[in-house]
Protein backbone atom coordinates (compact mmCIF):
# COMPACT_ATOMS: atom_id res chain seq x y z
CA UNK A 1 -38.72 10.50 -12.46
CA UNK A 2 -35.05 11.55 -12.24
CA UNK A 3 -33.38 8.09 -11.40
CA UNK A 4 -34.47 6.76 -14.86
CA UNK A 5 -33.22 9.81 -16.57
CA UNK A 6 -29.84 9.33 -15.00
CA UNK A 7 -29.53 6.19 -16.88
CA UNK A 8 -30.23 7.76 -20.19
CA UNK A 9 -27.47 10.32 -19.45
CA UNK A 10 -25.02 7.74 -18.11
CA UNK A 11 -22.16 8.81 -20.33
CA UNK A 12 -22.53 12.47 -19.78
CA UNK A 13 -21.50 12.22 -16.20
CA UNK A 14 -17.97 11.35 -17.33
CA UNK A 15 -17.29 14.36 -19.48
CA UNK A 16 -15.52 16.38 -16.71
CA UNK A 17 -12.56 13.92 -16.61
CA UNK A 18 -9.15 14.60 -18.23
CA UNK A 19 -9.16 11.44 -20.39
CA UNK A 20 -8.73 12.79 -23.91
CA UNK A 21 -9.96 9.60 -25.56
CA UNK A 22 -13.32 9.97 -23.52
CA UNK A 23 -13.79 13.55 -24.45
CA UNK A 24 -13.38 12.81 -27.99
CA UNK A 25 -16.32 10.51 -28.08
CA UNK A 26 -19.91 11.69 -28.30
CA UNK A 27 -21.45 10.15 -25.25
CA UNK A 28 -24.83 9.21 -26.22
CA UNK A 29 -24.60 6.60 -29.14
CA UNK A 30 -23.96 2.81 -29.30
CA UNK A 31 -21.17 3.59 -31.68
CA UNK A 32 -19.47 5.94 -29.30
CA UNK A 33 -19.74 3.26 -26.55
CA UNK A 34 -18.34 0.44 -28.73
CA UNK A 35 -15.46 2.70 -29.46
CA UNK A 36 -14.72 3.60 -25.79
CA UNK A 37 -15.07 -0.09 -24.73
CA UNK A 38 -12.88 -1.52 -27.50
CA UNK A 39 -9.79 -1.56 -25.44
CA UNK A 40 -8.63 -2.15 -21.75
CA UNK A 41 -7.65 1.39 -21.58
CA UNK A 42 -11.21 2.55 -22.51
CA UNK A 43 -12.55 0.57 -19.66
CA UNK A 44 -10.07 2.12 -17.28
CA UNK A 45 -10.88 5.60 -18.59
CA UNK A 46 -14.59 5.07 -17.87
CA UNK A 47 -13.86 3.90 -14.31
CA UNK A 48 -11.46 6.89 -14.00
CA UNK A 49 -14.39 9.10 -14.85
CA UNK A 50 -16.61 7.50 -12.21
CA UNK A 51 -13.88 8.07 -9.48
CA UNK A 52 -13.35 11.62 -10.62
CA UNK A 53 -16.99 12.46 -10.21
CA UNK A 54 -17.20 10.82 -6.74
CA UNK A 55 -14.40 13.16 -5.56
CA UNK A 56 -16.43 16.37 -6.25
CA UNK A 57 -17.43 18.47 -3.17
CA UNK A 58 -20.86 17.51 -3.17
CA UNK A 59 -19.91 13.74 -2.43
CA UNK A 60 -16.71 12.50 -1.04
CA UNK A 61 -14.68 15.65 -1.70
CA UNK A 62 -16.62 17.29 1.40
CA UNK A 63 -20.38 16.60 2.06
CA UNK A 64 -20.46 12.80 2.52
CA UNK A 65 -17.30 12.76 4.46
CA UNK A 66 -15.94 15.70 6.56
CA UNK A 67 -18.76 18.05 5.43
CA UNK A 68 -22.55 17.44 5.94
CA UNK A 69 -22.36 13.99 7.40
CA UNK A 70 -19.89 15.19 10.06
CA UNK A 71 -22.08 18.10 10.72
CA UNK A 72 -25.26 16.06 11.54
CA UNK A 73 -22.95 13.70 13.91
CA UNK A 74 -22.47 16.81 16.17
CA UNK A 75 -18.79 17.21 15.22
CA UNK A 76 -18.81 20.79 14.19
CA UNK A 77 -18.19 23.77 16.31
CA UNK A 78 -21.18 25.31 18.34
CA UNK A 79 -20.50 28.73 16.87
CA UNK A 80 -21.80 27.73 13.24
CA UNK A 81 -23.78 30.08 11.29
CA UNK A 82 -25.62 29.74 8.20
CA UNK A 83 -26.42 26.64 6.15
CA UNK A 84 -24.50 24.24 8.30
CA UNK A 85 -26.12 25.67 11.40
CA UNK A 86 -29.48 24.64 9.93
CA UNK A 87 -28.27 21.16 8.88
CA UNK A 88 -26.91 20.70 12.50
CA UNK A 89 -30.57 21.39 13.60
CA UNK A 90 -31.97 18.83 11.13
CA UNK A 91 -33.82 21.50 9.05
CA UNK A 92 -33.33 19.22 6.09
CA UNK A 93 -36.30 17.09 7.23
CA UNK A 94 -39.46 18.10 5.30
CA UNK A 95 -41.74 17.29 8.37
CA UNK A 96 -39.54 19.49 10.73
CA UNK A 97 -41.15 22.84 11.51
CA UNK A 98 -38.00 24.55 10.84
CA UNK A 99 -37.58 22.81 7.47
CA UNK A 100 -35.63 25.04 5.01
CA UNK A 101 -36.04 24.07 1.19
CA UNK A 102 -32.63 25.65 0.52
CA UNK A 103 -30.92 22.68 2.06
CA UNK A 104 -31.84 20.52 -0.82
CA UNK A 105 -28.83 21.91 -2.56
CA UNK A 106 -26.66 20.01 -0.15
CA UNK A 107 -28.77 16.83 -0.02
CA UNK A 108 -30.38 16.21 -3.54
CA UNK A 109 -27.03 16.04 -5.38
CA UNK A 110 -25.90 13.17 -3.22
CA UNK A 111 -28.69 11.16 -4.54
CA UNK A 112 -28.49 12.52 -8.13
CA UNK A 113 -24.71 12.09 -8.57
CA UNK A 114 -24.24 8.79 -6.97
CA UNK A 115 -27.02 7.23 -9.14
CA UNK A 116 -25.20 8.90 -12.22
CA UNK A 117 -22.10 7.05 -11.39
CA UNK A 118 -23.86 3.83 -10.74
CA UNK A 119 -25.48 4.27 -14.22
CA UNK A 120 -22.11 4.55 -15.83
CA UNK A 121 -20.73 1.57 -13.94
CA UNK A 122 -23.91 -0.32 -15.51
CA UNK A 123 -23.02 0.89 -18.87
CA UNK A 124 -19.52 -0.47 -18.50
CA UNK A 125 -20.82 -3.82 -17.13
CA UNK A 126 -23.41 -4.17 -19.97
CA UNK A 127 -20.59 -4.49 -22.57
CA UNK A 128 -17.80 -6.16 -20.60
CA UNK A 129 -18.67 -9.72 -21.13
CA UNK A 130 -19.08 -9.27 -24.91
CA UNK A 131 -15.61 -7.79 -24.97
CA UNK A 132 -13.76 -10.43 -22.84
CA UNK A 133 -11.25 -11.25 -25.55
CA UNK A 134 -9.72 -7.76 -25.23
CA UNK A 135 -8.37 -8.12 -21.93
CA UNK A 136 -4.99 -9.54 -20.75
CA UNK A 137 -4.24 -11.89 -18.10
CA UNK A 138 -6.90 -11.69 -15.25
CA UNK A 139 -7.70 -7.99 -16.16
CA UNK A 140 -11.39 -8.98 -17.21
CA UNK A 141 -12.08 -10.28 -13.86
CA UNK A 142 -10.42 -7.45 -12.07
CA UNK A 143 -12.22 -4.71 -14.01
CA UNK A 144 -15.57 -6.45 -13.73
CA UNK A 145 -15.24 -7.03 -9.96
CA UNK A 146 -14.17 -3.42 -9.33
CA UNK A 147 -17.20 -2.20 -11.17
CA UNK A 148 -19.66 -4.66 -9.49
CA UNK A 149 -18.13 -3.90 -6.00
CA UNK A 150 -18.05 -0.26 -6.50
CA UNK A 151 -21.75 -0.32 -7.56
CA UNK A 152 -22.51 -2.28 -4.40
CA UNK A 153 -20.43 0.08 -2.19
CA UNK A 154 -22.39 3.09 -3.71
CA UNK A 155 -25.80 1.46 -3.13
CA UNK A 156 -24.86 0.74 0.51
CA UNK A 157 -23.78 4.35 0.86
CA UNK A 158 -27.22 5.40 -0.36
CA UNK A 159 -29.02 2.98 1.68
CA UNK A 160 -27.12 4.02 4.85
CA UNK A 161 -28.17 7.57 4.14
CA UNK A 162 -31.75 7.32 2.85
CA UNK A 163 -32.87 4.20 4.40
CA UNK A 164 -33.86 3.47 8.18
CA UNK A 165 -31.37 1.25 10.09
CA UNK A 166 -32.16 -2.30 11.13
CA UNK A 167 -31.82 -1.15 14.78
CA UNK A 168 -34.88 1.23 14.30
CA UNK A 169 -37.09 -1.56 13.00
CA UNK A 170 -36.92 -0.42 9.42
CA UNK A 171 -35.73 -3.57 7.73
CA UNK A 172 -39.10 -3.96 5.74
CA UNK A 173 -39.38 -0.21 4.85
CA UNK A 174 -38.93 0.74 1.19
CA UNK A 175 -35.93 2.95 0.89
CA UNK A 176 -33.98 3.01 -2.55
CA UNK A 177 -33.93 1.55 -6.07
CA UNK A 178 -31.11 -1.07 -6.62
CA UNK A 179 -29.90 -0.29 -10.15
CA UNK A 180 -28.04 -3.32 -11.53
CA UNK A 181 -28.92 -2.81 -15.10
CA UNK A 182 -29.60 -0.06 -17.64
CA UNK A 183 -33.23 0.36 -18.27
CA UNK A 184 -35.73 3.14 -19.08
CA UNK A 185 -38.28 1.70 -16.77
CA UNK A 186 -38.96 3.38 -13.34
CA UNK A 187 -37.11 1.39 -10.87
CA UNK A 188 -38.98 0.10 -7.77
CA UNK A 189 -38.14 1.05 -4.25
CA UNK A 190 -36.80 -1.88 -2.47
CA UNK A 191 -37.04 -2.53 1.31
CA UNK A 192 -33.90 -2.14 3.26
CA UNK A 193 -33.62 -5.97 3.69
CA UNK A 194 -34.08 -6.69 0.01
CA UNK A 195 -31.54 -3.98 -1.03
CA UNK A 196 -28.99 -5.27 1.52
CA UNK A 197 -29.43 -8.74 -0.03
CA UNK A 198 -28.40 -7.45 -3.38
CA UNK A 199 -25.59 -5.31 -1.85
CA UNK A 200 -24.20 -8.36 -0.11
CA UNK A 201 -24.69 -10.49 -3.32
CA UNK A 202 -22.75 -7.99 -5.52
CA UNK A 203 -19.93 -7.69 -2.85
CA UNK A 204 -19.56 -11.40 -2.72
CA UNK A 205 -19.38 -11.59 -6.46
CA UNK A 206 -16.82 -8.84 -6.46
CA UNK A 207 -14.60 -10.48 -3.97
CA UNK A 208 -14.47 -13.67 -6.02
CA UNK A 209 -13.64 -11.78 -9.25
CA UNK A 210 -10.91 -9.73 -7.39
CA UNK A 211 -9.23 -12.62 -5.95
CA UNK A 212 -6.04 -11.97 -8.18
CA UNK A 213 -6.03 -8.19 -7.46
CA UNK A 214 -2.44 -7.12 -7.26
CA UNK A 215 -3.04 -5.60 -3.94
CA UNK A 216 -4.07 -9.12 -2.65
CA UNK A 217 -1.36 -10.81 -4.39
CA UNK A 218 1.33 -8.22 -3.52
CA UNK A 219 2.33 -8.00 -7.12
CA UNK A 220 3.05 -5.11 -9.45
CA UNK A 221 -0.18 -4.17 -11.35
CA UNK A 222 -0.15 -3.49 -15.06
CA UNK A 223 -0.47 0.21 -15.73
CA UNK A 224 -3.84 -0.35 -16.97
CA UNK A 225 -5.08 -1.31 -13.53
CA UNK A 226 -3.48 1.61 -11.86
CA UNK A 227 -0.44 3.84 -12.05
CA UNK A 228 2.54 2.69 -10.34
CA UNK A 229 4.05 4.89 -7.66
CA UNK A 230 7.38 6.48 -8.87
CA UNK A 231 10.62 4.95 -7.94
CA UNK A 232 11.52 7.58 -5.59
CA UNK A 233 8.74 6.35 -3.28
CA UNK A 234 10.45 3.16 -2.51
CA UNK A 235 12.58 5.02 -0.06
CA UNK A 236 9.38 5.41 1.91
CA UNK A 237 8.22 1.86 1.79
CA UNK A 238 5.58 2.51 -0.88
CA UNK A 239 4.66 -0.77 -2.57
CA UNK A 240 4.01 -0.89 -6.35
CA UNK A 241 0.39 -1.92 -5.73
CA UNK A 242 -0.19 1.03 -3.59
CA UNK A 243 -2.50 3.00 -6.00
CA UNK A 244 -4.96 0.06 -6.28
CA UNK A 245 -6.21 1.62 -2.93
CA UNK A 246 -7.79 4.41 -4.95
CA UNK A 247 -9.70 1.71 -6.84
CA UNK A 248 -12.42 -0.63 -5.27
CA UNK A 249 -10.05 -3.48 -4.63
CA UNK A 250 -10.28 -7.05 -3.10
CA UNK A 251 -9.70 -5.69 0.42
CA UNK A 252 -12.27 -2.93 -0.12
CA UNK A 253 -14.91 -5.61 -1.07
CA UNK A 254 -14.25 -7.53 2.10
CA UNK A 255 -14.20 -4.42 4.22
CA UNK A 256 -17.54 -3.30 2.87
CA UNK A 257 -18.86 -6.74 3.50
CA UNK A 258 -17.92 -6.50 6.99
CA UNK A 259 -19.66 -3.17 7.29
CA UNK A 260 -22.84 -4.55 5.56
CA UNK A 261 -23.19 -7.57 7.79
CA UNK A 262 -22.69 -5.46 10.93
CA UNK A 263 -25.32 -2.97 9.66
CA UNK A 264 -27.86 -5.85 9.54
CA UNK A 265 -26.80 -7.28 12.87
CA UNK A 266 -25.13 -10.30 11.45
CA UNK A 267 -21.98 -10.11 13.78
CA UNK A 268 -20.68 -13.62 12.76
CA UNK A 269 -20.40 -12.80 9.05
CA UNK A 270 -19.02 -9.39 9.94
CA UNK A 271 -16.44 -10.84 12.22
CA UNK A 272 -15.19 -13.36 9.55
CA UNK A 273 -14.73 -10.68 7.06
CA UNK A 274 -12.93 -8.42 9.58
CA UNK A 275 -10.74 -11.35 10.43
CA UNK A 276 -9.79 -11.96 6.72
CA UNK A 277 -8.45 -8.44 6.38
CA UNK A 278 -6.74 -8.48 9.74
CA UNK A 279 -4.89 -11.65 8.79
CA UNK A 280 -3.12 -9.79 5.85
CA UNK A 281 -3.17 -6.25 7.59
CA UNK A 282 0.53 -6.19 8.51
CA UNK A 283 1.79 -7.09 4.95
CA UNK A 284 -0.86 -4.91 3.21
CA UNK A 285 -2.01 -2.20 5.41
CA UNK A 286 0.78 -1.61 8.06
CA UNK A 287 0.11 0.79 11.01
CA UNK A 288 1.29 4.42 10.42
CA UNK A 289 4.74 5.38 11.52
CA UNK A 290 4.45 7.69 14.47
CA UNK A 291 7.22 9.71 13.06
CA UNK A 292 4.85 10.56 10.19
CA UNK A 293 2.15 11.86 12.50
CA UNK A 294 3.72 14.79 13.93
CA UNK A 295 2.49 18.11 15.55
CA UNK A 296 1.46 20.92 13.37
CA UNK A 297 4.64 22.90 14.17
CA UNK A 298 6.78 20.18 13.10
CA UNK A 299 7.69 20.11 9.43
CA UNK A 300 8.30 16.89 7.44
CA UNK A 301 7.73 15.90 3.79
CA UNK A 302 6.55 12.50 5.16
CA UNK A 303 3.53 14.17 6.91
CA UNK A 304 0.97 11.47 7.14
CA UNK A 305 -2.26 12.69 8.78
CA UNK A 306 -4.69 10.36 7.05
CA UNK A 307 -2.71 7.29 7.84
CA UNK A 308 -2.03 6.38 4.31
CA UNK A 309 -0.47 3.02 4.92
CA UNK A 310 -3.54 1.80 6.63
CA UNK A 311 -5.84 3.04 3.93
CA UNK A 312 -7.99 0.18 2.37
CA UNK A 313 -10.06 2.33 -0.09
CA UNK A 314 -9.63 6.15 -0.60
CA UNK A 315 -10.54 8.87 -2.91
CA UNK A 316 -7.75 10.84 -4.64
CA UNK A 317 -8.78 14.47 -4.28
CA UNK A 318 -6.47 16.77 -6.14
CA UNK A 319 -8.56 19.89 -4.98
CA UNK A 320 -8.80 18.96 -1.54
CA UNK A 321 -7.02 22.07 -0.16
CA UNK A 322 -9.55 24.26 -2.19
CA UNK A 323 -12.60 22.30 -0.91
CA UNK A 324 -11.50 22.43 2.89
CA UNK A 325 -10.68 26.16 3.11
CA UNK A 326 -12.79 27.77 5.84
CA UNK A 327 -13.63 24.22 7.27
CA UNK A 328 -10.36 22.83 8.24
CA UNK A 329 -7.82 25.64 7.84
CA UNK A 330 -8.38 29.34 7.95
CA UNK A 331 -6.97 30.61 4.75
CA UNK A 332 -8.96 33.52 3.75
CA UNK A 333 -12.15 32.20 5.12
CA UNK A 334 -13.56 32.62 8.53
CA UNK A 335 -13.51 29.44 10.32
CA UNK A 336 -16.16 30.44 12.82
CA UNK A 337 -18.97 29.99 10.35
CA UNK A 338 -18.21 26.19 9.45
CA UNK A 339 -15.32 24.97 11.56
CA UNK A 340 -14.64 21.18 11.88
CA UNK A 341 -14.00 21.86 15.51
CA UNK A 342 -14.88 18.67 17.37
CA UNK A 343 -16.25 18.71 20.74
CA UNK A 344 -13.65 16.15 21.59
CA UNK A 345 -10.84 18.79 21.23
CA UNK A 346 -12.47 21.14 23.76
CA UNK A 347 -11.57 21.58 27.20
CA UNK A 348 -14.83 19.93 28.22
CA UNK A 349 -14.37 16.90 26.03
CA UNK A 350 -13.96 13.62 27.78
CA UNK A 351 -13.10 11.40 24.85
CA UNK A 352 -9.23 11.60 24.79
CA UNK A 353 -7.54 10.16 27.99
CA UNK A 354 -3.77 10.83 28.95
CA UNK A 355 -1.64 13.20 27.06
CA UNK A 356 -0.04 10.92 24.60
CA UNK A 357 -2.78 10.34 22.19
CA UNK A 358 -1.44 11.47 18.68
CA UNK A 359 -4.83 12.06 17.35
CA UNK A 360 -5.40 14.70 19.88
CA UNK A 361 -1.97 16.23 19.93
CA UNK A 362 -1.05 16.13 16.21
CA UNK A 363 -4.17 16.03 14.30
CA UNK A 364 -5.62 19.51 15.33
CA UNK A 365 -4.64 23.05 14.96
CA UNK A 366 -5.50 25.96 17.36
CA UNK A 367 -6.43 29.36 16.09
CA UNK A 368 -6.88 32.75 17.82
CA UNK A 369 -10.07 32.96 19.56
CA UNK A 370 -9.88 29.63 21.32
CA UNK A 371 -11.06 27.52 18.24
CA UNK A 372 -9.40 24.24 17.53
CA UNK A 373 -10.02 22.45 14.21
CA UNK A 374 -9.10 18.99 12.79
CA UNK A 375 -6.13 19.43 10.43
CA UNK A 376 -6.39 15.86 9.15
CA UNK A 377 -6.69 16.79 5.56
CA UNK A 378 -4.62 19.83 5.60
CA UNK A 379 -1.15 18.73 4.88
CA UNK A 380 0.78 21.80 3.73
CA UNK A 381 4.40 22.27 4.70
CA UNK A 382 5.40 25.91 3.49
CA UNK A 383 7.44 26.03 0.53
CA UNK A 384 8.47 22.40 0.83
CA UNK A 385 5.57 20.09 -0.36
CA UNK A 386 4.50 17.04 1.52
CA UNK A 387 4.77 14.11 -0.94
CA UNK A 388 1.83 13.46 -2.63
CA UNK A 389 1.68 9.97 -1.44
CA UNK A 390 0.66 11.33 1.86
CA UNK A 391 -1.86 13.97 0.90
CA UNK A 392 -4.74 14.51 -1.43
CA UNK A 393 -6.75 11.77 -0.13
CA UNK A 394 -9.73 11.05 2.00
CA UNK A 395 -9.95 7.57 3.25
CA UNK A 396 -13.21 5.70 2.96
CA UNK A 397 -12.30 2.38 4.55
CA UNK A 398 -9.28 2.09 6.93
CA UNK A 399 -7.67 -0.74 8.99
CA UNK A 400 -8.82 0.85 12.36
CA UNK A 401 -12.59 0.47 11.54
CA UNK A 402 -11.91 -3.18 10.70
CA UNK A 403 -10.53 -3.70 14.10
CA UNK A 404 -13.40 -1.95 15.81
CA UNK A 405 -15.87 -4.17 13.82
CA UNK A 406 -14.06 -7.24 14.98
CA UNK A 407 -14.12 -5.90 18.67
CA UNK A 408 -17.82 -5.14 18.44
CA UNK A 409 -18.58 -8.67 17.04
CA UNK A 410 -16.18 -10.85 18.98
CA UNK A 411 -17.86 -12.93 21.63
CA UNK A 412 -14.69 -13.51 23.59
CA UNK A 413 -14.17 -10.32 25.70
CA UNK A 414 -10.45 -10.82 26.03
CA UNK A 415 -9.95 -11.00 22.34
CA UNK A 416 -12.25 -8.06 21.72
CA UNK A 417 -10.30 -5.89 24.06
CA UNK A 418 -7.03 -6.73 22.32
CA UNK A 419 -8.51 -5.72 19.03
CA UNK A 420 -9.25 -2.27 20.34
CA UNK A 421 -5.84 -2.05 22.06
CA UNK A 422 -4.16 -2.93 18.73
CA UNK A 423 -5.49 0.54 17.49
CA UNK A 424 -4.80 2.33 20.78
CA UNK A 425 -1.31 1.21 21.11
CA UNK A 426 -0.49 2.71 17.60
CA UNK A 427 -2.12 6.05 18.64
CA UNK A 428 0.15 6.78 21.52
CA UNK A 429 -1.70 4.80 24.19
CA UNK A 430 0.60 1.68 24.40
CA UNK A 431 1.10 2.49 28.12
CA UNK A 432 -2.46 2.77 28.79
CA UNK A 433 -4.12 -0.63 27.90
CA UNK A 434 -7.62 -1.37 28.64
CA UNK A 435 -8.23 -3.30 31.88
CA UNK A 436 -8.17 -7.21 31.36
CA UNK A 437 -11.30 -7.21 33.52
CA UNK A 438 -13.41 -4.85 31.35
CA UNK A 439 -17.07 -5.63 30.73
CA UNK A 440 -18.85 -5.91 27.47
CA UNK A 441 -20.69 -2.64 28.29
CA UNK A 442 -17.49 -0.87 29.20
CA UNK A 443 -15.84 -2.04 26.02
CA UNK A 444 -18.64 -0.84 23.89
CA UNK A 445 -18.12 2.44 25.43
CA UNK A 446 -14.47 2.46 24.40
CA UNK A 447 -15.43 1.42 20.94
CA UNK A 448 -17.78 4.62 20.75
CA UNK A 449 -14.90 6.74 22.04
CA UNK A 450 -12.52 5.31 19.41
CA UNK A 451 -15.12 6.12 16.79
CA UNK A 452 -15.14 9.67 17.98
CA UNK A 453 -11.41 9.90 18.20
CA UNK A 454 -10.33 7.99 15.11
CA UNK A 455 -12.69 9.08 12.47
CA UNK A 456 -12.95 12.85 12.99
CA UNK A 457 -13.62 14.31 9.39
CA UNK A 458 -14.39 11.06 7.78
CA UNK A 459 -18.00 10.78 8.17
CA UNK A 460 -18.09 7.35 10.29
CA UNK A 461 -19.28 8.52 13.50
CA UNK A 462 -22.66 9.39 12.09
CA UNK A 463 -23.23 6.02 10.53
CA UNK A 464 -22.11 4.43 13.92
CA UNK A 465 -24.85 6.66 15.60
CA UNK A 466 -27.38 5.69 13.09
CA UNK A 467 -26.55 1.97 12.97
CA UNK A 468 -27.11 1.86 16.59
CA UNK A 469 -30.26 4.08 16.44
CA UNK A 470 -28.95 6.39 19.32
CA UNK A 471 -31.10 8.88 20.66
CA UNK A 472 -28.94 12.07 20.08
CA UNK A 473 -31.41 14.24 22.07
CA UNK A 474 -30.98 12.41 25.33
CA UNK A 475 -29.05 14.28 28.15
CA UNK A 476 -26.36 11.43 28.06
CA UNK A 477 -25.86 11.56 24.30
CA UNK A 478 -26.00 15.34 24.21
CA UNK A 479 -23.06 15.54 26.69
CA UNK A 480 -21.26 12.85 24.62
CA UNK A 481 -21.83 13.88 21.02
CA UNK A 482 -22.62 17.78 21.39
CA UNK A 483 -25.52 17.31 19.09
CA UNK A 484 -28.56 19.61 18.92
CA UNK A 485 -31.08 19.12 21.63
CA UNK A 486 -33.93 19.04 19.10
CA UNK A 487 -32.89 15.84 17.41
CA UNK A 488 -35.55 13.70 15.93
CA UNK A 489 -35.22 10.05 15.18
CA UNK A 490 -36.35 10.43 11.55
CA UNK A 491 -33.43 12.91 10.96
CA UNK A 492 -31.36 9.76 10.52
CA UNK A 493 -33.32 9.10 7.26
CA UNK A 494 -32.58 11.65 4.47
CA UNK A 495 -35.48 12.70 2.43
CA UNK A 496 -35.27 11.61 -1.15
CA UNK A 497 -35.65 14.26 -3.80
CA UNK A 498 -39.09 15.32 -4.54
CA UNK A 499 -38.62 14.40 -8.22
CA UNK A 500 -37.68 11.00 -7.36
CA UNK A 501 -41.04 10.18 -5.61
CA UNK A 502 -43.30 12.49 -7.89
CA UNK A 503 -44.08 9.79 -10.42
CA UNK A 504 -44.34 6.60 -8.05
C-alpha cells in the first residue's frame, strides 16, 4: 500500500533540494526533525523542498500542465507519434481495449509524488504548533497557512484527476484518501463530496491564517517568507512582495476556493471568492503590458509571455527550457513527435476572431513544414537574456481564470459579459467587445473559447472539459477541441496505481 509508505519516507522526498542545512540532516529520525524545525529558516527550507519537488517534469514541470494533461485535452498536434499519441487515444485506461501498461510511467508518478509532498507538509504541520515561539511577527500563521493551503490545493489537484466530476454524477464515488496527518494506517478512500468538504475546510483555514500575507498587505516580506526581487527590478514595476506568488499565498487560497466551489456547482460561493480577488486585482495582479507580449521576431528583455504580473500562484522552474525541448521549441528535438501545436492555431481553427488577438499573434512560433507551436514558455532572446522575472515560471492560477469563473457564475448577464470583455480587451480585442444582447448560452460559448485561447499549455482546458462532463467524442466537440473520436467518458478519471488499491 504505497500511500502509507509515502508517509514513512516523508523527509526523503526533500533531499533533492539545494538547501545545505536540509542535506546535512539525516531525514528519518525524530532528532533530525527537531533540528530542522528549530528555526524559521528550517521551516522555509522544508517548504522550499516541497516546491522544488513539485517543479519536476512528472508534475508541474511538464505532465500536469503543458504535457500529458494538455495532450488529453486535444491540444497537441495531430501528427504525434509514440507515447503521447497513445495518451491522446486514452490508452492509459485499464479497461480500454488499447490499454498500454507502459503509460503508467506517465501517470503513476503524479499520484506517488504528490502524496509524498503532502506527507512532507503534514510533517511540518505536526511540529509547528509546538514551535510557535520561534517565529517572528505573524510568520507562524503565514507558514502554517501556506502549508495547510498547499496541502488542500494538492488534494484538489488529485481529486480533479482521479475522481469523477460532480457533473457526471460522481459526488458519492470513492476517489482518493485525504491525508491531513502523519499515520502508518492505510487511509480510506473518501467520496468526492467528502474530500471536497475537507479541501474547502483547509482552504478556509489557510485563508484566515494568511490574512497578513505580505502580498495581501502590499508590504515587503521578511527574507524567510520569500526572497525579495533585486533593486534593478524596480524599474519594471516589480513589487517587493512579488516572489510570494511562488508560494501558496493568501490570494492563492481564495483562487483555489473559487475553483473548488465551481467544481462542485456552488456558483454563489465561487463568485464571492472570485470577486474578492477582482477587488484587489488592479493593485496586486495588474494586466500584462502589451509591449511585453511581443511577436517572436521582436527582441525585448522584458518579454512576458506567461503574463507574470497577472500570476496569482506559479511554479518557479529553473530547468524549464530543458523540459520543453521538442514540445514547445525545436532545438535538437523533432517537434513532429510531441508538438504542443494547438488546433486553435491551425487554418481550420475557429477560436480566434479578428487579427489583433495577441494570444494568436505573439504566443506562437511557426516552423518549416507548416507546424505552429505555442511559445508561451520559451522565453529566449539570443545572447541577451530575458529578465528572470519574466521567465522560468509556469502559472497555476492567473487573473484571467478568476474573471472567467465570475462570468460563469454571475446571474446578471450584462455584468458577466463585462467580466469576459475585461480579459478580451487586454488581449488585443478592445475594439471587438461582445454584444450587449448576448444570451447566456452564447456567453458560455465565448467562455469556452477563452479557455481554449488563454490557457494553452497550462492544463486548464482539460479540467474545464471534465468539470462540465463534455462528450469529447461528439461531432460538435470533435470539431471544437480536435480530440480523438474514440473518447470514453471514463477517460476523465485517471486510474489509481495498482499498488494503491492492492491492499484495500
